[in-house]
Amino acid sequence: MEEMKSKLETIGSKIKAWRKKKDLTQDALAKKADMPYTTLAKIESDVIQNPSLQTITKIAEGLGISLDELVK
């Protein structure tokens, strides 16, 4: 059951979970990732479902984790 759940998790929900784990606001993470706050908010809320690799990489760097850790 747990395995199925992880497949259903969106990149947005993973980013949100990591952000909360790192105790960051959306605004703080957006600044760290050098991206507009609105873009991050749209990704987290799944308005943007397939952000570019460049964007995801910037978010991972902003969170201080590897791209692998973020997407797995």
PDB file of N, CA and C in Angstrom:
ATOM      1  N   MET A   1       0.829  -1.200   0.000  1.00  0.00           N
ATOM      2  CA  MET A   1       0.000   0.000   0.000  1.00  0.00           C
ATOM      3  C   MET A   1       0.872   1.262   0.000  1.00  0.00           C
ATOM      4  N   GLU A   2       1.892   1.265   0.832  1.00  0.00           N
ATOM      5  CA  GLU A   2       2.792   2.416   0.942  1.00  0.00           C
ATOM      6  C   GLU A   2       3.489   2.706  -0.388  1.00  0.00           C
ATOM      7  N   GLU A   3       3.858   1.661  -1.113  1.00  0.00           N
ATOM      8  CA  GLU A   3       4.515   1.847  -2.408  1.00  0.00           C
ATOM      9  C   GLU A   3       3.607   2.544  -3.414  1.00  0.00           C
ATOM     10  N   MET A   4       2.349   2.159  -3.418  1.00  0.00           N
ATOM     11  CA  MET A   4       1.403   2.779  -4.341  1.00  0.00           C
ATOM     12  C   MET A   4       1.265   4.270  -4.048  1.00  0.00           C
ATOM     13  N   LYS A   5       1.220   4.616  -2.781  1.00  0.00           N
ATOM     14  CA  LYS A   5       1.063   6.003  -2.376  1.00  0.00           C
ATOM     15  C   LYS A   5       2.210   6.853  -2.920  1.00  0.00           C
ATOM     16  N   SER A   6       3.434   6.359  -2.835  1.00  0.00           N
ATOM     17  CA  SER A   6       4.575   7.155  -3.294  1.00  0.00           C
ATOM     18  C   SER A   6       4.538   7.384  -4.810  1.00  0.00           C
ATOM     19  N   LYS A   7       3.966   6.463  -5.547  1.00  0.00           N
ATOM     20  CA  LYS A   7       3.847   6.658  -6.995  1.00  0.00           C
ATOM     21  C   LYS A   7       2.824   7.754  -7.318  1.00  0.00           C
ATOM     22  N   LEU A   8       1.845   7.907  -6.445  1.00  0.00           N
ATOM     23  CA  LEU A   8       0.810   8.909  -6.670  1.00  0.00           C
ATOM     24  C   LEU A   8       1.242  10.304  -6.227  1.00  0.00           C
ATOM     25  N   GLU A   9       2.296  10.376  -5.431  1.00  0.00           N
ATOM     26  CA  GLU A   9       2.777  11.673  -4.968  1.00  0.00           C
ATOM     27  C   GLU A   9       3.272  12.499  -6.154  1.00  0.00           C
ATOM     28  N   THR A  10       2.857  13.733  -6.182  1.00  0.00           N
ATOM     29  CA  THR A  10       3.295  14.634  -7.249  1.00  0.00           C
ATOM     30  C   THR A  10       4.608  15.292  -6.844  1.00  0.00           C
ATOM     31  N   ILE A  11       5.297  15.847  -7.814  1.00  0.00           N
ATOM     32  CA  ILE A  11       6.521  16.582  -7.508  1.00  0.00           C
ATOM     33  C   ILE A  11       6.182  17.739  -6.572  1.00  0.00           C
ATOM     34  N   GLY A  12       5.015  18.335  -6.763  1.00  0.00           N
ATOM     35  CA  GLY A  12       4.588  19.430  -5.893  1.00  0.00           C
ATOM     36  C   GLY A  12       4.464  19.020  -4.439  1.00  0.00           C
ATOM     37  N   SER A  13       3.856  17.861  -4.209  1.00  0.00           N
ATOM     38  CA  SER A  13       3.678  17.404  -2.826  1.00  0.00           C
ATOM     39  C   SER A  13       5.013  17.030  -2.192  1.00  0.00           C
ATOM     40  N   LYS A  14       5.935  16.526  -3.007  1.00  0.00           N
ATOM     41  CA  LYS A  14       7.267  16.187  -2.487  1.00  0.00           C
ATOM     42  C   LYS A  14       8.030  17.447  -2.091  1.00  0.00           C
ATOM     43  N   ILE A  15       7.941  18.473  -2.945  1.00  0.00           N
ATOM     44  CA  ILE A  15       8.608  19.745  -2.646  1.00  0.00           C
ATOM     45  C   ILE A  15       8.032  20.331  -1.353  1.00  0.00           C
ATOM     46  N   LYS A  16       6.709  20.302  -1.251  1.00  0.00           N
ATOM     47  CA  LYS A  16       6.045  20.843  -0.066  1.00  0.00           C
ATOM     48  C   LYS A  16       6.489  20.100   1.200  1.00  0.00           C
ATOM     49  N   ALA A  17       6.545  18.772   1.116  1.00  0.00           N
ATOM     50  CA  ALA A  17       6.947  17.968   2.269  1.00  0.00           C
ATOM     51  C   ALA A  17       8.385  18.303   2.692  1.00  0.00           C
ATOM     52  N   TRP A  18       9.285  18.398   1.716  1.00  0.00           N
ATOM     53  CA  TRP A  18      10.674  18.745   2.017  1.00  0.00           C
ATOM     54  C   TRP A  18      10.777  20.152   2.592  1.00  0.00           C
ATOM     55  N   ARG A  19       9.996  21.077   2.026  1.00  0.00           N
ATOM     56  CA  ARG A  19      10.034  22.465   2.493  1.00  0.00           C
ATOM     57  C   ARG A  19       9.610  22.541   3.956  1.00  0.00           C
ATOM     58  N   LYS A  20       8.551  21.813   4.303  1.00  0.00           N
ATOM     59  CA  LYS A  20       8.081  21.813   5.688  1.00  0.00           C
ATOM     60  C   LYS A  20       9.105  21.147   6.608  1.00  0.00           C
ATOM     61  N   LYS A  21       9.727  20.087   6.111  1.00  0.00           N
ATOM     62  CA  LYS A  21      10.749  19.384   6.884  1.00  0.00           C
ATOM     63  C   LYS A  21      11.931  20.313   7.186  1.00  0.00           C
ATOM     64  N   LYS A  22      12.242  21.189   6.231  1.00  0.00           N
ATOM     65  CA  LYS A  22      13.348  22.138   6.389  1.00  0.00           C
ATOM     66  C   LYS A  22      12.893  23.433   7.073  1.00  0.00           C
ATOM     67  N   ASP A  23      11.602  23.469   7.445  1.00  0.00           N
ATOM     68  CA  ASP A  23      11.032  24.621   8.137  1.00  0.00           C
ATOM     69  C   ASP A  23      11.187  25.922   7.341  1.00  0.00           C
ATOM     70  N   LEU A  24      10.837  25.859   6.069  1.00  0.00           N
ATOM     71  CA  LEU A  24      10.912  27.043   5.208  1.00  0.00           C
ATOM     72  C   LEU A  24       9.511  27.450   4.757  1.00  0.00           C
ATOM     73  N   THR A  25       9.307  28.739   4.589  1.00  0.00           N
ATOM     74  CA  THR A  25       8.065  29.208   3.984  1.00  0.00           C
ATOM     75  C   THR A  25       8.232  29.100   2.474  1.00  0.00           C
ATOM     76  N   GLN A  26       7.120  29.199   1.744  1.00  0.00           N
ATOM     77  CA  GLN A  26       7.214  29.188   0.280  1.00  0.00           C
ATOM     78  C   GLN A  26       8.074  30.363  -0.179  1.00  0.00           C
ATOM     79  N   ASP A  27       7.880  31.497   0.443  1.00  0.00           N
ATOM     80  CA  ASP A  27       8.633  32.699   0.077  1.00  0.00           C
ATOM     81  C   ASP A  27      10.135  32.496   0.291  1.00  0.00           C
ATOM     82  N   ALA A  28      10.485  31.921   1.443  1.00  0.00           N
ATOM     83  CA  ALA A  28      11.903  31.692   1.752  1.00  0.00           C
ATOM     84  C   ALA A  28      12.532  30.720   0.760  1.00  0.00           C
ATOM     85  N   LEU A  29      11.814  29.647   0.440  1.00  0.00           N
ATOM     86  CA  LEU A  29      12.345  28.677  -0.511  1.00  0.00           C
ATOM     87  C   LEU A  29      12.468  29.286  -1.907  1.00  0.00           C
ATOM     88  N   ALA A  30      11.470  30.066  -2.302  1.00  0.00           N
ATOM     89  CA  ALA A  30      11.513  30.717  -3.614  1.00  0.00           C
ATOM     90  C   ALA A  30      12.762  31.608  -3.721  1.00  0.00           C
ATOM     91  N   LYS A  31      13.057  32.354  -2.661  1.00  0.00           N
ATOM     92  CA  LYS A  31      14.247  33.210  -2.655  1.00  0.00           C
ATOM     93  C   LYS A  31      15.528  32.370  -2.750  1.00  0.00           C
ATOM     94  N   LYS A  32      15.592  31.295  -1.947  1.00  0.00           N
ATOM     95  CA  LYS A  32      16.769  30.422  -1.973  1.00  0.00           C
ATOM     96  C   LYS A  32      16.955  29.770  -3.340  1.00  0.00           C
ATOM     97  N   ALA A  33      15.839  29.442  -3.979  1.00  0.00           N
ATOM     98  CA  ALA A  33      15.883  28.769  -5.280  1.00  0.00           C
ATOM     99  C   ALA A  33      15.972  29.775  -6.427  1.00  0.00           C
ATOM    100  N   ASP A  34      15.976  31.054  -6.092  1.00  0.00           N
ATOM    101  CA  ASP A  34      16.079  32.118  -7.094  1.00  0.00           C
ATOM    102  C   ASP A  34      14.991  31.995  -8.163  1.00  0.00           C
ATOM    103  N   MET A  35      13.750  31.921  -7.674  1.00  0.00           N
ATOM    104  CA  MET A  35      12.622  31.813  -8.594  1.00  0.00           C
ATOM    105  C   MET A  35      11.446  32.606  -8.034  1.00  0.00           C
ATOM    106  N   PRO A  36      10.488  32.959  -8.905  1.00  0.00           N
ATOM    107  CA  PRO A  36       9.327  33.699  -8.399  1.00  0.00           C
ATOM    108  C   PRO A  36       8.511  32.860  -7.418  1.00  0.00           C
ATOM    109  N   TYR A  37       8.044  33.512  -6.362  1.00  0.00           N
ATOM    110  CA  TYR A  37       7.206  32.856  -5.359  1.00  0.00           C
ATOM    111  C   TYR A  37       5.988  32.195  -6.016  1.00  0.00           C
ATOM    112  N   THR A  38       5.383  32.896  -6.978  1.00  0.00           N
ATOM    113  CA  THR A  38       4.173  32.370  -7.625  1.00  0.00           C
ATOM    114  C   THR A  38       4.450  31.050  -8.346  1.00  0.00           C
ATOM    115  N   THR A  39       5.621  30.923  -8.953  1.00  0.00           N
ATOM    116  CA  THR A  39       5.980  29.682  -9.644  1.00  0.00           C
ATOM    117  C   THR A  39       6.048  28.525  -8.650  1.00  0.00           C
ATOM    118  N   LEU A  40       6.728  28.755  -7.538  1.00  0.00           N
ATOM    119  CA  LEU A  40       6.836  27.719  -6.511  1.00  0.00           C
ATOM    120  C   LEU A  40       5.453  27.341  -5.985  1.00  0.00           C
ATOM    121  N   ALA A  41       4.624  28.340  -5.715  1.00  0.00           N
ATOM    122  CA  ALA A  41       3.280  28.081  -5.195  1.00  0.00           C
ATOM    123  C   ALA A  41       2.461  27.243  -6.191  1.00  0.00           C
ATOM    124  N   LYS A  42       2.593  27.563  -7.479  1.00  0.00           N
ATOM    125  CA  LYS A  42       1.854  26.813  -8.514  1.00  0.00           C
ATOM    126  C   LYS A  42       2.348  25.373  -8.619  1.00  0.00           C
ATOM    127  N   ILE A  43       3.655  25.160  -8.460  1.00  0.00           N
ATOM    128  CA  ILE A  43       4.196  23.800  -8.509  1.00  0.00           C
ATOM    129  C   ILE A  43       3.685  23.012  -7.303  1.00  0.00           C
ATOM    130  N   GLU A  44       3.773  23.610  -6.118  1.00  0.00           N
ATOM    131  CA  GLU A  44       3.329  22.923  -4.897  1.00  0.00           C
ATOM    132  C   GLU A  44       1.846  22.593  -4.932  1.00  0.00           C
ATOM    133  N   SER A  45       1.049  23.439  -5.548  1.00  0.00           N
ATOM    134  CA  SER A  45      -0.397  23.186  -5.585  1.00  0.00           C
ATOM    135  C   SER A  45      -0.815  22.426  -6.847  1.00  0.00           C
ATOM    136  N   ASP A  46       0.175  21.937  -7.594  1.00  0.00           N
ATOM    137  CA  ASP A  46      -0.047  21.114  -8.792  1.00  0.00           C
ATOM    138  C   ASP A  46      -0.748  21.853  -9.928  1.00  0.00           C
ATOM    139  N   VAL A  47      -0.686  23.176  -9.915  1.00  0.00           N
ATOM    140  CA  VAL A  47      -1.168  23.937 -11.072  1.00  0.00           C
ATOM    141  C   VAL A  47      -0.160  23.691 -12.195  1.00  0.00           C
ATOM    142  N   ILE A  48       1.129  23.721 -11.834  1.00  0.00           N
ATOM    143  CA  ILE A  48       2.194  23.326 -12.769  1.00  0.00           C
ATOM    144  C   ILE A  48       2.573  21.902 -12.369  1.00  0.00           C
ATOM    145  N   GLN A  49       2.283  20.937 -13.236  1.00  0.00           N
ATOM    146  CA  GLN A  49       2.524  19.533 -12.872  1.00  0.00           C
ATOM    147  C   GLN A  49       3.845  18.983 -13.408  1.00  0.00           C
ATOM    148  N   ASN A  50       4.376  19.627 -14.444  1.00  0.00           N
ATOM    149  CA  ASN A  50       5.639  19.156 -15.005  1.00  0.00           C
ATOM    150  C   ASN A  50       6.646  20.300 -15.120  1.00  0.00           C
ATOM    151  N   PRO A  51       7.158  20.758 -13.964  1.00  0.00           N
ATOM    152  CA  PRO A  51       8.149  21.836 -14.027  1.00  0.00           C
ATOM    153  C   PRO A  51       9.409  21.363 -14.742  1.00  0.00           C
ATOM    154  N   SER A  52      10.151  22.296 -15.307  1.00  0.00           N
ATOM    155  CA  SER A  52      11.367  21.929 -16.041  1.00  0.00           C
ATOM    156  C   SER A  52      12.413  21.358 -15.088  1.00  0.00           C
ATOM    157  N   LEU A  53      13.325  20.604 -15.652  1.00  0.00           N
ATOM    158  CA  LEU A  53      14.415  20.023 -14.873  1.00  0.00           C
ATOM    159  C   LEU A  53      15.228  21.129 -14.211  1.00  0.00           C
ATOM    160  N   GLN A  54      15.436  22.215 -14.934  1.00  0.00           N
ATOM    161  CA  GLN A  54      16.178  23.356 -14.387  1.00  0.00           C
ATOM    162  C   GLN A  54      15.487  23.903 -13.134  1.00  0.00           C
ATOM    163  N   THR A  55      14.178  24.017 -13.202  1.00  0.00           N
ATOM    164  CA  THR A  55      13.390  24.523 -12.070  1.00  0.00           C
ATOM    165  C   THR A  55      13.484  23.579 -10.879  1.00  0.00           C
ATOM    166  N   ILE A  56      13.312  22.284 -11.127  1.00  0.00           N
ATOM    167  CA  ILE A  56      13.377  21.300 -10.042  1.00  0.00           C
ATOM    168  C   ILE A  56      14.778  21.284  -9.415  1.00  0.00           C
ATOM    169  N   THR A  57      15.787  21.432 -10.248  1.00  0.00           N
ATOM    170  CA  THR A  57      17.164  21.468  -9.753  1.00  0.00           C
ATOM    171  C   THR A  57      17.373  22.666  -8.833  1.00  0.00           C
ATOM    172  N   LYS A  58      16.856  23.824  -9.235  1.00  0.00           N
ATOM    173  CA  LYS A  58      16.974  25.032  -8.412  1.00  0.00           C
ATOM    174  C   LYS A  58      16.261  24.855  -7.077  1.00  0.00           C
ATOM    175  N   ILE A  59      15.108  24.204  -7.108  1.00  0.00           N
ATOM    176  CA  ILE A  59      14.353  23.966  -5.868  1.00  0.00           C
ATOM    177  C   ILE A  59      15.135  23.021  -4.952  1.00  0.00           C
ATOM    178  N   ALA A  60      15.680  21.950  -5.532  1.00  0.00           N
ATOM    179  CA  ALA A  60      16.479  21.003  -4.740  1.00  0.00           C
ATOM    180  C   ALA A  60      17.661  21.720  -4.094  1.00  0.00           C
ATOM    181  N   GLU A  61      18.340  22.573  -4.869  1.00  0.00           N
ATOM    182  CA  GLU A  61      19.464  23.335  -4.325  1.00  0.00           C
ATOM    183  C   GLU A  61      19.001  24.269  -3.206  1.00  0.00           C
ATOM    184  N   GLY A  62      17.848  24.889  -3.416  1.00  0.00           N
ATOM    185  CA  GLY A  62      17.291  25.773  -2.396  1.00  0.00           C
ATOM    186  C   GLY A  62      16.965  25.033  -1.107  1.00  0.00           C
ATOM    187  N   LEU A  63      16.575  23.771  -1.246  1.00  0.00           N
ATOM    188  CA  LEU A  63      16.262  22.939  -0.084  1.00  0.00           C
ATOM    189  C   LEU A  63      17.531  22.333   0.536  1.00  0.00           C
ATOM    190  N   GLY A  64      18.641  22.433  -0.198  1.00  0.00           N
ATOM    191  CA  GLY A  64      19.895  21.854   0.287  1.00  0.00           C
ATOM    192  C   GLY A  64      19.909  20.339   0.195  1.00  0.00           C
ATOM    193  N   ILE A  65      19.190  19.800  -0.798  1.00  0.00           N
ATOM    194  CA  ILE A  65      19.174  18.349  -1.012  1.00  0.00           C
ATOM    195  C   ILE A  65      19.510  18.060  -2.476  1.00  0.00           C
ATOM    196  N   SER A  66      19.793  16.789  -2.761  1.00  0.00           N
ATOM    197  CA  SER A  66      20.101  16.424  -4.142  1.00  0.00           C
ATOM    198  C   SER A  66      18.805  16.260  -4.930  1.00  0.00           C
ATOM    199  N   LEU A  67      18.929  16.340  -6.243  1.00  0.00           N
ATOM    200  CA  LEU A  67      17.797  16.136  -7.125  1.00  0.00           C
ATOM    201  C   LEU A  67      17.204  14.748  -6.897  1.00  0.00           C
ATOM    202  N   ASP A  68      18.074  13.771  -6.711  1.00  0.00           N
ATOM    203  CA  ASP A  68      17.651  12.386  -6.421  1.00  0.00           C
ATOM    204  C   ASP A  68      16.749  12.309  -5.186  1.00  0.00           C
ATOM    205  N   GLU A  69      17.191  12.971  -4.114  1.00  0.00           N
ATOM    206  CA  GLU A  69      16.418  12.945  -2.874  1.00  0.00           C
ATOM    207  C   GLU A  69      15.030  13.549  -3.080  1.00  0.00           C
ATOM    208  N   LEU A  70      14.976  14.594  -3.892  1.00  0.00           N
ATOM    209  CA  LEU A  70      13.714  15.273  -4.125  1.00  0.00           C
ATOM    210  C   LEU A  70      12.740  14.439  -4.956  1.00  0.00           C
ATOM    211  N   VAL A  71      13.233  13.806  -6.011  1.00  0.00           N
ATOM    212  CA  VAL A  71      12.315  13.117  -6.920  1.00  0.00           C
ATOM    213  C   VAL A  71      12.021  11.675  -6.558  1.00  0.00           C
ATOM    214  N   LYS A  72      12.830  11.044  -5.705  1.00  0.00           N
ATOM    215  CA  LYS A  72      12.577   9.618  -5.401  1.00  0.00           C
ATOM    216  C   LYS A  72      11.371   9.412  -4.492  1.00  0.00           C
TER     217      LYS A  72
END
